[in-house]
Each structure stands twice: as C-alpha cells, then as structure tokens.
Amino acid sequence: MKIRAVVPVKLNNERFPNKNLAELHGKPLCRYLLETLADIPDLETTVYCSDEKILPYLPEGVSFFRRDAKLDGFSVQRQEIVLSMLRDLYADVYVYAHVTNPFLTAQSVQRAISAVAEEGYDTALGVTEHRTYAWHRGEAVNFDREDLKRSQDIDPVYLEMGLFVFKRSVAERNGSVYGGRIKFLTVSDIEAVDINYPQDMAYAERMLEKMERERSR
C-alpha cells in the first residue's frame, strides 16, 4: 500500500499575500508542517505547487511536483485540486494537509493514516469537537430549543481543520475526499490553528512565545 502526503501550496494568496513563505517566529510558515511530515517514517511527502520559488523552502526528503498554474485561481475549489492530484501523483492512501496549520502534530497525522490504512475507514478528518448550541440557517442543529439539555449533554458538532486522509478509490469514485465511512479524529485547538490573515500569524507568534517560555521554566 502506497501512502503519500500531498501538500497543496500556492504563493498568490488573496487574504494574506505571501503568507505561506512569511516568517513565523523566525521560520517560514510552510516549514512547520513540512518538517513534521518529513519526520514521519515511511511517509513520502510531495509539495504540489505551480511555482519553483517554493524549492528553497522544502526540507530534506520533501519532493516537489509542478502543478497546473490554473489551480492557483482564487475561485478554484478543493475538489479540482484533488482530481488533478489523482492524475499527477499516485497513491493508494493520500494525506492531504495544509501548511497553514503549523501546529499539526505527527501523532495526529499517524492516527489518521492508521484509521484509513488499518481500521477500514474511507476517510479520516481532523476536526475540533464543540459541545455548544449550534444553529444553521435559523434552525437548531444539535439541540431541541423546547427542551434544552446542559451543554455538556448535547451532541457535539465537529468543525474541520486542514487534515484529510482518504483512499484513492474514494476520490476516484466521487471526486471528493469524503467516503462513506468517515473517522472524525479530534485534534487540539492548538493543532487546529489556521493561518489565513495577518492577525492569525500574530496569534500563532504569541503561542510560540508562550510555549518557549514554558519550556525554559
């Protein structure tokens, strides 16, 4: 069984220009996740990017595949990138992750791989779990507003973050990362930090400074 991590990266970011190469605590943002993946045994990691400017930022052991520049369009959907990836890079199981999640751990990635490669799930999603009263389009999602339970007793809602592990056969069949049997793999709030705006980077910087202080005690 071939397992490959594919990391889609574009350098023409709309909300936060040049964010993937911007420095976070003295290191380019993209290096955090790529170094984590590069250290996972037996996991082949490829950066899927249209621009060779990314090459000097790749850790040892991480390869580069030049994707079609059309995939850098601001209106391109994840489904289009996944279908292109299937044509360009072969694997039986894909790890699809984003460099905008710098704190994602190797342990969470390995748990997601095991769920698909060993436990029979079609897809494993990195999620955060929330036991809160959720609404969508004016309707209660996970509670009865006429019979309110304590928040700790209601069904949780799950919010995706940037980790997806899925079988090639699933994506070939429906063009999506979502299979019929999905493992919702809860990660910590820190792992789910997602860098989309400059203020997100500032928050991540403060977190790293705090971690550094705690380590030095």
N, C-alpha and C. Protein backbone atom coordinates (compact mmCIF):
# COMPACT_ATOMS: atom_id res chain seq x y z
N MET A 1 0.85 -1.19 0.00
CA MET A 1 0.00 0.00 0.00
C MET A 1 0.88 1.24 0.00
N LYS A 2 0.70 2.10 -0.99
CA LYS A 2 1.49 3.32 -1.07
C LYS A 2 0.73 4.47 -0.40
N ILE A 3 1.38 5.08 0.56
CA ILE A 3 0.79 6.21 1.29
C ILE A 3 1.64 7.45 0.98
N ARG A 4 0.98 8.49 0.54
CA ARG A 4 1.71 9.71 0.16
C ARG A 4 1.02 10.94 0.76
N ALA A 5 1.82 11.81 1.32
CA ALA A 5 1.30 13.11 1.76
C ALA A 5 1.46 14.10 0.61
N VAL A 6 0.38 14.76 0.26
CA VAL A 6 0.42 15.79 -0.77
C VAL A 6 0.01 17.11 -0.11
N VAL A 7 0.88 18.09 -0.23
CA VAL A 7 0.65 19.39 0.41
C VAL A 7 0.45 20.44 -0.68
N PRO A 8 -0.80 20.86 -0.92
CA PRO A 8 -1.03 21.89 -1.93
C PRO A 8 -0.57 23.25 -1.41
N VAL A 9 0.22 23.94 -2.20
CA VAL A 9 0.72 25.25 -1.81
C VAL A 9 0.58 26.20 -2.99
N LYS A 10 0.03 27.37 -2.74
CA LYS A 10 0.07 28.42 -3.76
C LYS A 10 0.70 29.66 -3.13
N LEU A 11 1.33 30.47 -3.98
CA LEU A 11 2.06 31.61 -3.48
C LEU A 11 1.34 32.94 -3.73
N ASN A 12 0.22 32.89 -4.43
CA ASN A 12 -0.54 34.11 -4.71
C ASN A 12 -1.76 34.19 -3.81
N ASN A 13 -1.53 34.23 -2.52
CA ASN A 13 -2.64 34.21 -1.56
C ASN A 13 -3.41 35.52 -1.56
N GLU A 14 -4.73 35.41 -1.55
CA GLU A 14 -5.59 36.58 -1.68
C GLU A 14 -5.77 37.31 -0.35
N ARG A 15 -6.08 36.57 0.73
CA ARG A 15 -6.40 37.21 2.01
C ARG A 15 -5.16 37.69 2.75
N PHE A 16 -4.05 36.98 2.54
CA PHE A 16 -2.81 37.30 3.26
C PHE A 16 -1.67 37.04 2.27
N PRO A 17 -1.30 38.05 1.46
CA PRO A 17 -0.28 37.85 0.42
C PRO A 17 1.02 37.26 0.99
N ASN A 18 1.53 36.27 0.27
CA ASN A 18 2.81 35.64 0.60
C ASN A 18 2.83 34.93 1.94
N LYS A 19 1.65 34.56 2.46
CA LYS A 19 1.61 34.01 3.82
C LYS A 19 2.39 32.71 3.96
N ASN A 20 2.37 31.86 2.95
CA ASN A 20 2.99 30.55 3.10
C ASN A 20 4.50 30.61 3.23
N LEU A 21 5.10 31.72 2.78
CA LEU A 21 6.54 31.91 2.91
C LEU A 21 6.89 32.92 4.01
N ALA A 22 5.86 33.55 4.59
CA ALA A 22 6.10 34.55 5.62
C ALA A 22 6.70 33.90 6.86
N GLU A 23 7.50 34.66 7.59
CA GLU A 23 8.18 34.12 8.77
C GLU A 23 7.25 34.07 9.98
N LEU A 24 7.28 32.92 10.64
CA LEU A 24 6.60 32.74 11.91
C LEU A 24 7.66 32.36 12.93
N HIS A 25 7.94 33.27 13.84
CA HIS A 25 8.93 33.03 14.89
C HIS A 25 10.28 32.64 14.30
N GLY A 26 10.66 33.34 13.25
CA GLY A 26 11.98 33.15 12.65
C GLY A 26 12.09 32.02 11.65
N LYS A 27 10.97 31.42 11.27
CA LYS A 27 10.99 30.31 10.32
C LYS A 27 9.83 30.47 9.35
N PRO A 28 10.02 30.17 8.05
CA PRO A 28 8.91 30.28 7.11
C PRO A 28 7.73 29.41 7.54
N LEU A 29 6.54 29.95 7.41
CA LEU A 29 5.34 29.23 7.83
C LEU A 29 5.28 27.82 7.24
N CYS A 30 5.57 27.68 5.96
CA CYS A 30 5.43 26.38 5.30
C CYS A 30 6.34 25.32 5.91
N ARG A 31 7.44 25.72 6.54
CA ARG A 31 8.39 24.73 7.06
C ARG A 31 7.84 23.94 8.23
N TYR A 32 6.94 24.51 9.00
CA TYR A 32 6.45 23.83 10.20
C TYR A 32 5.79 22.50 9.84
N LEU A 33 4.78 22.54 9.01
CA LEU A 33 4.09 21.30 8.63
C LEU A 33 5.00 20.39 7.82
N LEU A 34 5.76 20.96 6.89
CA LEU A 34 6.60 20.12 6.03
C LEU A 34 7.65 19.37 6.84
N GLU A 35 8.22 20.01 7.84
CA GLU A 35 9.19 19.31 8.69
C GLU A 35 8.51 18.20 9.50
N THR A 36 7.28 18.47 9.95
CA THR A 36 6.54 17.43 10.69
C THR A 36 6.30 16.21 9.81
N LEU A 37 5.85 16.43 8.58
CA LEU A 37 5.58 15.31 7.67
C LEU A 37 6.86 14.60 7.28
N ALA A 38 7.93 15.35 7.06
CA ALA A 38 9.20 14.75 6.64
C ALA A 38 9.75 13.81 7.70
N ASP A 39 9.40 14.02 8.95
CA ASP A 39 9.92 13.19 10.04
C ASP A 39 9.07 11.95 10.31
N ILE A 40 7.97 11.78 9.60
CA ILE A 40 7.13 10.60 9.80
C ILE A 40 7.71 9.44 8.99
N PRO A 41 8.07 8.35 9.64
CA PRO A 41 8.69 7.23 8.93
C PRO A 41 7.78 6.68 7.82
N ASP A 42 8.40 6.35 6.70
CA ASP A 42 7.74 5.68 5.58
C ASP A 42 6.64 6.51 4.92
N LEU A 43 6.61 7.80 5.20
CA LEU A 43 5.63 8.67 4.55
C LEU A 43 6.35 9.52 3.51
N GLU A 44 5.96 9.33 2.26
CA GLU A 44 6.52 10.14 1.17
C GLU A 44 5.72 11.43 1.07
N THR A 45 6.41 12.55 1.08
CA THR A 45 5.74 13.85 1.09
C THR A 45 6.10 14.65 -0.15
N THR A 46 5.08 15.19 -0.82
CA THR A 46 5.27 15.97 -2.03
C THR A 46 4.54 17.30 -1.90
N VAL A 47 5.24 18.39 -2.21
CA VAL A 47 4.60 19.70 -2.29
C VAL A 47 4.05 19.87 -3.70
N TYR A 48 2.78 20.21 -3.76
CA TYR A 48 2.05 20.32 -5.03
C TYR A 48 1.83 21.80 -5.31
N CYS A 49 2.73 22.38 -6.11
CA CYS A 49 2.77 23.83 -6.27
C CYS A 49 3.14 24.16 -7.71
N SER A 50 2.68 25.28 -8.21
CA SER A 50 2.96 25.67 -9.59
C SER A 50 4.24 26.49 -9.72
N ASP A 51 4.83 26.89 -8.62
CA ASP A 51 5.93 27.86 -8.65
C ASP A 51 7.19 27.30 -8.00
N GLU A 52 8.28 27.26 -8.74
CA GLU A 52 9.53 26.72 -8.22
C GLU A 52 10.16 27.62 -7.14
N LYS A 53 9.59 28.78 -6.90
CA LYS A 53 10.10 29.63 -5.82
C LYS A 53 9.98 28.94 -4.46
N ILE A 54 9.15 27.91 -4.39
CA ILE A 54 8.98 27.19 -3.13
C ILE A 54 10.17 26.27 -2.84
N LEU A 55 10.96 25.94 -3.86
CA LEU A 55 12.00 24.91 -3.70
C LEU A 55 12.99 25.19 -2.57
N PRO A 56 13.50 26.40 -2.40
CA PRO A 56 14.47 26.61 -1.31
C PRO A 56 13.87 26.43 0.09
N TYR A 57 12.56 26.36 0.18
CA TYR A 57 11.90 26.25 1.48
C TYR A 57 11.58 24.80 1.86
N LEU A 58 11.86 23.86 0.97
CA LEU A 58 11.49 22.47 1.24
C LEU A 58 12.53 21.78 2.11
N PRO A 59 12.11 21.10 3.17
CA PRO A 59 13.05 20.33 3.99
C PRO A 59 13.61 19.15 3.21
N GLU A 60 14.69 18.62 3.68
CA GLU A 60 15.27 17.42 3.07
C GLU A 60 14.25 16.29 3.11
N GLY A 61 14.14 15.59 1.99
CA GLY A 61 13.23 14.45 1.91
C GLY A 61 11.85 14.80 1.38
N VAL A 62 11.56 16.08 1.20
CA VAL A 62 10.26 16.50 0.65
C VAL A 62 10.44 16.84 -0.82
N SER A 63 9.65 16.21 -1.69
CA SER A 63 9.78 16.42 -3.13
C SER A 63 8.83 17.50 -3.62
N PHE A 64 9.01 17.89 -4.87
CA PHE A 64 8.22 18.96 -5.49
C PHE A 64 7.58 18.43 -6.77
N PHE A 65 6.31 18.76 -6.97
CA PHE A 65 5.65 18.47 -8.25
C PHE A 65 5.00 19.76 -8.72
N ARG A 66 5.37 20.16 -9.96
CA ARG A 66 4.80 21.39 -10.50
C ARG A 66 3.38 21.12 -11.01
N ARG A 67 2.42 21.69 -10.35
CA ARG A 67 1.03 21.52 -10.75
C ARG A 67 0.65 22.60 -11.77
N ASP A 68 -0.50 22.41 -12.40
CA ASP A 68 -1.01 23.37 -13.37
C ASP A 68 -1.27 24.71 -12.66
N ALA A 69 -0.79 25.80 -13.25
CA ALA A 69 -0.97 27.12 -12.64
C ALA A 69 -2.44 27.52 -12.57
N LYS A 70 -3.29 26.87 -13.35
CA LYS A 70 -4.73 27.18 -13.29
C LYS A 70 -5.30 26.90 -11.90
N LEU A 71 -4.65 26.00 -11.17
CA LEU A 71 -5.14 25.65 -9.84
C LEU A 71 -4.87 26.75 -8.81
N ASP A 72 -4.14 27.79 -9.22
CA ASP A 72 -3.86 28.90 -8.31
C ASP A 72 -4.96 29.95 -8.33
N GLY A 73 -5.96 29.76 -9.17
CA GLY A 73 -7.04 30.73 -9.26
C GLY A 73 -7.79 30.87 -7.94
N PHE A 74 -8.26 32.09 -7.66
CA PHE A 74 -8.92 32.35 -6.38
C PHE A 74 -10.26 31.63 -6.26
N SER A 75 -10.86 31.24 -7.37
CA SER A 75 -12.16 30.57 -7.31
C SER A 75 -12.05 29.05 -7.41
N VAL A 76 -10.83 28.52 -7.48
CA VAL A 76 -10.63 27.08 -7.60
C VAL A 76 -11.08 26.39 -6.32
N GLN A 77 -11.81 25.28 -6.46
CA GLN A 77 -12.31 24.53 -5.31
C GLN A 77 -11.39 23.36 -4.99
N ARG A 78 -11.47 22.90 -3.75
CA ARG A 78 -10.63 21.78 -3.33
C ARG A 78 -10.82 20.57 -4.22
N GLN A 79 -12.05 20.32 -4.65
CA GLN A 79 -12.33 19.16 -5.49
C GLN A 79 -11.49 19.18 -6.77
N GLU A 80 -11.30 20.34 -7.36
CA GLU A 80 -10.50 20.44 -8.58
C GLU A 80 -9.03 20.09 -8.30
N ILE A 81 -8.53 20.52 -7.16
CA ILE A 81 -7.15 20.21 -6.82
C ILE A 81 -6.99 18.71 -6.57
N VAL A 82 -7.95 18.11 -5.87
CA VAL A 82 -7.88 16.68 -5.57
C VAL A 82 -7.91 15.86 -6.86
N LEU A 83 -8.79 16.17 -7.78
CA LEU A 83 -8.88 15.41 -9.03
C LEU A 83 -7.60 15.54 -9.86
N SER A 84 -7.03 16.73 -9.88
CA SER A 84 -5.76 16.93 -10.58
C SER A 84 -4.64 16.14 -9.91
N MET A 85 -4.65 16.15 -8.59
CA MET A 85 -3.65 15.41 -7.82
C MET A 85 -3.70 13.92 -8.11
N LEU A 86 -4.90 13.37 -8.26
CA LEU A 86 -5.04 11.94 -8.56
C LEU A 86 -4.38 11.59 -9.89
N ARG A 87 -4.48 12.51 -10.85
CA ARG A 87 -3.87 12.27 -12.16
C ARG A 87 -2.35 12.39 -12.10
N ASP A 88 -1.85 13.29 -11.27
CA ASP A 88 -0.42 13.61 -11.27
C ASP A 88 0.42 12.76 -10.32
N LEU A 89 -0.16 12.34 -9.20
CA LEU A 89 0.62 11.69 -8.15
C LEU A 89 -0.11 10.45 -7.66
N TYR A 90 0.50 9.30 -7.84
CA TYR A 90 -0.19 8.06 -7.45
C TYR A 90 0.01 7.73 -5.98
N ALA A 91 -1.06 7.25 -5.36
CA ALA A 91 -1.00 6.66 -4.02
C ALA A 91 -2.27 5.85 -3.82
N ASP A 92 -2.23 4.90 -2.91
CA ASP A 92 -3.44 4.18 -2.50
C ASP A 92 -4.18 4.95 -1.42
N VAL A 93 -3.39 5.62 -0.57
CA VAL A 93 -3.94 6.46 0.50
C VAL A 93 -3.22 7.80 0.47
N TYR A 94 -4.00 8.87 0.49
CA TYR A 94 -3.43 10.21 0.46
C TYR A 94 -3.59 10.89 1.82
N VAL A 95 -2.54 11.59 2.22
CA VAL A 95 -2.62 12.56 3.31
C VAL A 95 -2.63 13.93 2.65
N TYR A 96 -3.72 14.65 2.83
CA TYR A 96 -3.88 15.97 2.21
C TYR A 96 -3.91 16.98 3.34
N ALA A 97 -2.88 17.81 3.43
CA ALA A 97 -2.75 18.71 4.57
C ALA A 97 -2.28 20.08 4.10
N HIS A 98 -2.51 21.08 4.95
CA HIS A 98 -2.22 22.46 4.59
C HIS A 98 -1.12 23.04 5.47
N VAL A 99 -0.20 23.79 4.85
CA VAL A 99 0.88 24.41 5.62
C VAL A 99 0.36 25.53 6.51
N THR A 100 -0.88 25.92 6.34
CA THR A 100 -1.47 26.95 7.20
C THR A 100 -1.85 26.42 8.58
N ASN A 101 -1.66 25.12 8.81
CA ASN A 101 -1.84 24.52 10.14
C ASN A 101 -0.46 24.16 10.70
N PRO A 102 0.29 25.15 11.18
CA PRO A 102 1.69 24.88 11.56
C PRO A 102 1.86 24.00 12.78
N PHE A 103 0.82 23.85 13.61
CA PHE A 103 0.96 23.12 14.85
C PHE A 103 0.40 21.69 14.79
N LEU A 104 -0.02 21.25 13.61
CA LEU A 104 -0.49 19.88 13.46
C LEU A 104 0.64 18.92 13.82
N THR A 105 0.33 17.91 14.62
CA THR A 105 1.38 17.01 15.11
C THR A 105 1.48 15.75 14.27
N ALA A 106 2.66 15.15 14.32
CA ALA A 106 2.88 13.88 13.64
C ALA A 106 1.96 12.80 14.20
N GLN A 107 1.69 12.85 15.50
CA GLN A 107 0.83 11.85 16.12
C GLN A 107 -0.58 11.88 15.53
N SER A 108 -1.12 13.08 15.31
CA SER A 108 -2.46 13.17 14.72
C SER A 108 -2.46 12.67 13.28
N VAL A 109 -1.42 13.00 12.53
CA VAL A 109 -1.32 12.52 11.15
C VAL A 109 -1.25 11.00 11.14
N GLN A 110 -0.46 10.42 12.01
CA GLN A 110 -0.31 8.96 12.05
C GLN A 110 -1.61 8.28 12.49
N ARG A 111 -2.33 8.90 13.42
CA ARG A 111 -3.63 8.33 13.82
C ARG A 111 -4.60 8.34 12.65
N ALA A 112 -4.58 9.40 11.86
CA ALA A 112 -5.47 9.49 10.71
C ALA A 112 -5.10 8.45 9.64
N ILE A 113 -3.80 8.27 9.42
CA ILE A 113 -3.35 7.25 8.46
C ILE A 113 -3.79 5.87 8.92
N SER A 114 -3.61 5.57 10.19
CA SER A 114 -3.99 4.25 10.71
C SER A 114 -5.48 3.99 10.55
N ALA A 115 -6.29 5.03 10.75
CA ALA A 115 -7.74 4.86 10.62
C ALA A 115 -8.13 4.40 9.22
N VAL A 116 -7.42 4.92 8.20
CA VAL A 116 -7.75 4.57 6.82
C VAL A 116 -7.00 3.32 6.36
N ALA A 117 -5.71 3.25 6.66
CA ALA A 117 -4.89 2.15 6.14
C ALA A 117 -5.07 0.86 6.91
N GLU A 118 -5.49 0.93 8.20
CA GLU A 118 -5.56 -0.27 9.02
C GLU A 118 -6.94 -0.55 9.59
N GLU A 119 -7.73 0.49 9.84
CA GLU A 119 -9.01 0.29 10.53
C GLU A 119 -10.22 0.25 9.60
N GLY A 120 -10.00 0.42 8.31
CA GLY A 120 -11.09 0.24 7.36
C GLY A 120 -11.93 1.48 7.05
N TYR A 121 -11.55 2.63 7.57
CA TYR A 121 -12.29 3.86 7.24
C TYR A 121 -11.94 4.31 5.82
N ASP A 122 -12.90 4.94 5.16
CA ASP A 122 -12.64 5.51 3.83
C ASP A 122 -11.90 6.84 3.94
N THR A 123 -12.24 7.59 4.97
CA THR A 123 -11.70 8.94 5.16
C THR A 123 -11.48 9.19 6.64
N ALA A 124 -10.42 9.90 6.97
CA ALA A 124 -10.22 10.42 8.33
C ALA A 124 -10.09 11.93 8.24
N LEU A 125 -10.88 12.63 9.03
CA LEU A 125 -10.87 14.09 9.03
C LEU A 125 -10.35 14.61 10.36
N GLY A 126 -9.43 15.55 10.30
CA GLY A 126 -9.04 16.26 11.51
C GLY A 126 -10.12 17.26 11.85
N VAL A 127 -10.62 17.19 13.08
CA VAL A 127 -11.72 18.07 13.49
C VAL A 127 -11.49 18.57 14.91
N THR A 128 -12.17 19.66 15.23
CA THR A 128 -12.30 20.07 16.63
C THR A 128 -13.73 19.80 17.07
N GLU A 129 -13.87 19.35 18.31
CA GLU A 129 -15.20 18.98 18.84
C GLU A 129 -15.73 20.12 19.70
N HIS A 130 -17.02 20.45 19.49
CA HIS A 130 -17.63 21.56 20.23
C HIS A 130 -18.99 21.13 20.78
N ARG A 131 -19.10 21.17 22.09
CA ARG A 131 -20.40 20.91 22.73
C ARG A 131 -21.04 22.27 23.03
N THR A 132 -21.68 22.78 22.03
CA THR A 132 -22.31 24.09 22.15
C THR A 132 -23.58 24.09 21.32
N TYR A 133 -24.44 25.06 21.56
CA TYR A 133 -25.72 25.12 20.86
C TYR A 133 -25.49 25.70 19.46
N ALA A 134 -25.59 24.85 18.46
CA ALA A 134 -25.24 25.26 17.09
C ALA A 134 -26.49 25.51 16.25
N TRP A 135 -26.41 26.54 15.42
CA TRP A 135 -27.51 26.92 14.53
C TRP A 135 -27.01 26.97 13.10
N HIS A 136 -27.91 26.67 12.16
CA HIS A 136 -27.59 26.81 10.74
C HIS A 136 -28.84 27.28 10.01
N ARG A 137 -28.73 28.42 9.36
CA ARG A 137 -29.85 29.00 8.62
C ARG A 137 -31.12 29.12 9.46
N GLY A 138 -30.92 29.55 10.69
CA GLY A 138 -32.05 29.78 11.58
C GLY A 138 -32.62 28.56 12.25
N GLU A 139 -32.02 27.38 12.02
CA GLU A 139 -32.51 26.14 12.62
C GLU A 139 -31.49 25.57 13.59
N ALA A 140 -32.00 25.02 14.68
CA ALA A 140 -31.13 24.37 15.66
C ALA A 140 -30.54 23.10 15.05
N VAL A 141 -29.25 22.92 15.20
CA VAL A 141 -28.57 21.78 14.58
C VAL A 141 -28.53 20.57 15.50
N ASN A 142 -28.16 20.77 16.76
CA ASN A 142 -27.87 19.64 17.64
C ASN A 142 -28.59 19.71 18.98
N PHE A 143 -29.70 20.46 19.02
CA PHE A 143 -30.44 20.54 20.27
C PHE A 143 -31.90 20.87 19.99
N ASP A 144 -32.73 20.58 20.98
CA ASP A 144 -34.15 20.90 20.92
C ASP A 144 -34.38 22.17 21.72
N ARG A 145 -34.74 23.26 21.06
CA ARG A 145 -34.85 24.52 21.79
C ARG A 145 -36.03 24.55 22.74
N GLU A 146 -36.94 23.57 22.63
CA GLU A 146 -38.06 23.48 23.57
C GLU A 146 -37.71 22.61 24.77
N ASP A 147 -36.58 21.91 24.68
CA ASP A 147 -36.17 21.01 25.77
C ASP A 147 -34.64 21.06 25.88
N LEU A 148 -34.15 22.16 26.41
CA LEU A 148 -32.70 22.39 26.43
C LEU A 148 -32.00 21.48 27.43
N LYS A 149 -31.02 20.75 26.94
CA LYS A 149 -30.14 19.97 27.81
C LYS A 149 -28.96 20.85 28.23
N ARG A 150 -28.24 20.38 29.24
CA ARG A 150 -27.00 21.05 29.58
C ARG A 150 -26.05 20.94 28.38
N SER A 151 -25.20 21.94 28.20
CA SER A 151 -24.31 21.94 27.05
C SER A 151 -23.43 20.68 27.02
N GLN A 152 -23.03 20.21 28.20
CA GLN A 152 -22.17 19.02 28.22
C GLN A 152 -22.92 17.74 27.85
N ASP A 153 -24.26 17.81 27.78
CA ASP A 153 -25.04 16.62 27.44
C ASP A 153 -25.55 16.61 26.00
N ILE A 154 -25.35 17.69 25.27
CA ILE A 154 -25.84 17.70 23.89
C ILE A 154 -24.84 17.03 22.97
N ASP A 155 -25.32 16.62 21.80
CA ASP A 155 -24.43 16.02 20.81
C ASP A 155 -23.43 17.07 20.32
N PRO A 156 -22.16 16.69 20.19
CA PRO A 156 -21.17 17.67 19.73
C PRO A 156 -21.32 17.95 18.24
N VAL A 157 -20.84 19.11 17.83
CA VAL A 157 -20.66 19.40 16.42
C VAL A 157 -19.16 19.39 16.16
N TYR A 158 -18.79 19.03 14.92
CA TYR A 158 -17.38 18.92 14.56
C TYR A 158 -17.06 19.91 13.45
N LEU A 159 -15.97 20.63 13.63
CA LEU A 159 -15.51 21.58 12.63
C LEU A 159 -14.21 21.07 12.03
N GLU A 160 -14.16 21.01 10.71
CA GLU A 160 -12.96 20.54 10.02
C GLU A 160 -11.80 21.51 10.22
N MET A 161 -10.59 20.93 10.25
CA MET A 161 -9.38 21.73 10.09
C MET A 161 -8.66 21.16 8.86
N GLY A 162 -7.38 21.42 8.69
CA GLY A 162 -6.77 21.11 7.40
C GLY A 162 -6.12 19.76 7.25
N LEU A 163 -6.65 18.71 7.85
CA LEU A 163 -6.09 17.36 7.69
C LEU A 163 -7.14 16.43 7.13
N PHE A 164 -6.82 15.82 5.98
CA PHE A 164 -7.71 14.86 5.34
C PHE A 164 -6.88 13.66 4.90
N VAL A 165 -7.28 12.48 5.29
CA VAL A 165 -6.64 11.25 4.82
C VAL A 165 -7.73 10.42 4.16
N PHE A 166 -7.49 9.96 2.95
CA PHE A 166 -8.56 9.26 2.22
C PHE A 166 -7.98 8.28 1.21
N LYS A 167 -8.80 7.31 0.86
CA LYS A 167 -8.40 6.30 -0.12
C LYS A 167 -8.53 6.86 -1.54
N ARG A 168 -7.61 6.47 -2.37
CA ARG A 168 -7.68 6.87 -3.78
C ARG A 168 -9.01 6.44 -4.40
N SER A 169 -9.45 5.22 -4.07
CA SER A 169 -10.69 4.69 -4.66
C SER A 169 -11.89 5.57 -4.33
N VAL A 170 -11.87 6.20 -3.15
CA VAL A 170 -12.97 7.08 -2.75
C VAL A 170 -13.01 8.30 -3.66
N ALA A 171 -11.85 8.95 -3.83
CA ALA A 171 -11.80 10.16 -4.64
C ALA A 171 -12.06 9.87 -6.12
N GLU A 172 -11.62 8.71 -6.58
CA GLU A 172 -11.89 8.35 -7.98
C GLU A 172 -13.38 8.15 -8.21
N ARG A 173 -14.05 7.62 -7.21
CA ARG A 173 -15.47 7.29 -7.35
C ARG A 173 -16.36 8.53 -7.31
N ASN A 174 -16.05 9.46 -6.39
CA ASN A 174 -16.97 10.59 -6.23
C ASN A 174 -16.32 11.96 -6.33
N GLY A 175 -15.02 11.99 -6.67
CA GLY A 175 -14.34 13.27 -6.84
C GLY A 175 -14.17 14.06 -5.56
N SER A 176 -14.30 13.40 -4.43
CA SER A 176 -14.28 14.08 -3.14
C SER A 176 -13.39 13.33 -2.17
N VAL A 177 -12.97 14.00 -1.12
CA VAL A 177 -12.20 13.33 -0.07
C VAL A 177 -13.10 12.56 0.88
N TYR A 178 -14.39 12.74 0.77
CA TYR A 178 -15.33 12.14 1.73
C TYR A 178 -15.84 10.79 1.24
N GLY A 179 -15.50 9.73 1.99
CA GLY A 179 -16.03 8.41 1.69
C GLY A 179 -17.26 8.13 2.54
N GLY A 180 -17.76 6.91 2.42
CA GLY A 180 -18.96 6.54 3.16
C GLY A 180 -18.71 6.34 4.63
N ARG A 181 -17.54 5.83 4.98
CA ARG A 181 -17.20 5.57 6.39
C ARG A 181 -16.12 6.55 6.81
N ILE A 182 -16.49 7.52 7.63
CA ILE A 182 -15.60 8.61 7.99
C ILE A 182 -15.21 8.54 9.46
N LYS A 183 -13.93 8.68 9.72
CA LYS A 183 -13.41 8.79 11.09
C LYS A 183 -13.22 10.27 11.40
N PHE A 184 -13.93 10.74 12.44
CA PHE A 184 -13.76 12.12 12.89
C PHE A 184 -12.69 12.11 13.99
N LEU A 185 -11.53 12.60 13.64
CA LEU A 185 -10.37 12.50 14.50
C LEU A 185 -10.16 13.85 15.21
N THR A 186 -10.46 13.88 16.48
CA THR A 186 -10.40 15.13 17.23
C THR A 186 -8.96 15.54 17.49
N VAL A 187 -8.65 16.79 17.14
CA VAL A 187 -7.33 17.34 17.42
C VAL A 187 -7.50 18.49 18.41
N SER A 188 -6.40 18.93 18.97
CA SER A 188 -6.45 20.02 19.94
C SER A 188 -6.71 21.35 19.24
N ASP A 189 -7.15 22.31 20.02
CA ASP A 189 -7.38 23.65 19.46
C ASP A 189 -6.08 24.25 18.91
N ILE A 190 -4.97 23.92 19.55
CA ILE A 190 -3.68 24.43 19.06
C ILE A 190 -3.37 23.86 17.69
N GLU A 191 -3.58 22.55 17.52
CA GLU A 191 -3.31 21.94 16.22
C GLU A 191 -4.20 22.52 15.12
N ALA A 192 -5.37 22.97 15.51
CA ALA A 192 -6.32 23.47 14.53
C ALA A 192 -6.10 24.93 14.15
N VAL A 193 -5.14 25.60 14.78
CA VAL A 193 -4.85 26.99 14.42
C VAL A 193 -4.57 27.08 12.93
N ASP A 194 -5.28 27.98 12.25
CA ASP A 194 -5.21 28.09 10.79
C ASP A 194 -4.83 29.52 10.43
N ILE A 195 -3.79 29.66 9.63
CA ILE A 195 -3.29 30.99 9.29
C ILE A 195 -3.92 31.45 7.98
N ASN A 196 -4.86 32.37 8.08
CA ASN A 196 -5.50 32.94 6.89
C ASN A 196 -5.30 34.45 6.78
N TYR A 197 -5.09 35.09 7.91
CA TYR A 197 -4.97 36.55 7.95
C TYR A 197 -3.75 36.94 8.78
N PRO A 198 -3.24 38.16 8.62
CA PRO A 198 -2.09 38.58 9.43
C PRO A 198 -2.34 38.44 10.93
N GLN A 199 -3.56 38.66 11.38
CA GLN A 199 -3.83 38.54 12.82
C GLN A 199 -3.71 37.09 13.29
N ASP A 200 -3.96 36.13 12.38
CA ASP A 200 -3.76 34.72 12.73
C ASP A 200 -2.27 34.44 12.97
N MET A 201 -1.43 35.04 12.12
CA MET A 201 0.01 34.87 12.27
C MET A 201 0.48 35.48 13.58
N ALA A 202 -0.07 36.65 13.92
CA ALA A 202 0.31 37.29 15.18
C ALA A 202 -0.09 36.42 16.37
N TYR A 203 -1.26 35.79 16.28
CA TYR A 203 -1.72 34.90 17.36
C TYR A 203 -0.80 33.68 17.48
N ALA A 204 -0.42 33.10 16.33
CA ALA A 204 0.48 31.95 16.35
C ALA A 204 1.85 32.34 16.92
N GLU A 205 2.30 33.54 16.62
CA GLU A 205 3.57 34.02 17.16
C GLU A 205 3.51 34.09 18.69
N ARG A 206 2.40 34.61 19.20
CA ARG A 206 2.25 34.69 20.66
C ARG A 206 2.21 33.30 21.29
N MET A 207 1.57 32.36 20.61
CA MET A 207 1.53 30.99 21.12
C MET A 207 2.92 30.39 21.21
N LEU A 208 3.71 30.60 20.17
CA LEU A 208 5.06 30.05 20.17
C LEU A 208 5.93 30.69 21.25
N GLU A 209 5.75 31.99 21.45
CA GLU A 209 6.49 32.67 22.51
C GLU A 209 6.11 32.10 23.88
N LYS A 210 4.81 31.82 24.06
CA LYS A 210 4.36 31.24 25.32
C LYS A 210 4.94 29.85 25.53
N MET A 211 4.94 29.03 24.46
CA MET A 211 5.49 27.68 24.55
C MET A 211 6.98 27.74 24.91
N GLU A 212 7.67 28.70 24.32
CA GLU A 212 9.10 28.86 24.58
C GLU A 212 9.35 29.20 26.04
N ARG A 213 8.53 30.10 26.58
CA ARG A 213 8.67 30.49 27.99
C ARG A 213 8.42 29.31 28.91
N GLU A 214 7.38 28.50 28.56
CA GLU A 214 7.07 27.35 29.40
C GLU A 214 8.17 26.30 29.36
N ARG A 215 8.80 26.13 28.21
CA ARG A 215 9.90 25.16 28.10
C ARG A 215 11.12 25.60 28.91
N SER A 216 11.31 26.91 29.02
CA SER A 216 12.51 27.41 29.69
C SER A 216 12.38 27.45 31.21
N ARG A 217 11.16 27.17 31.72
CA ARG A 217 10.98 27.21 33.18
C ARG A 217 11.64 26.02 33.86
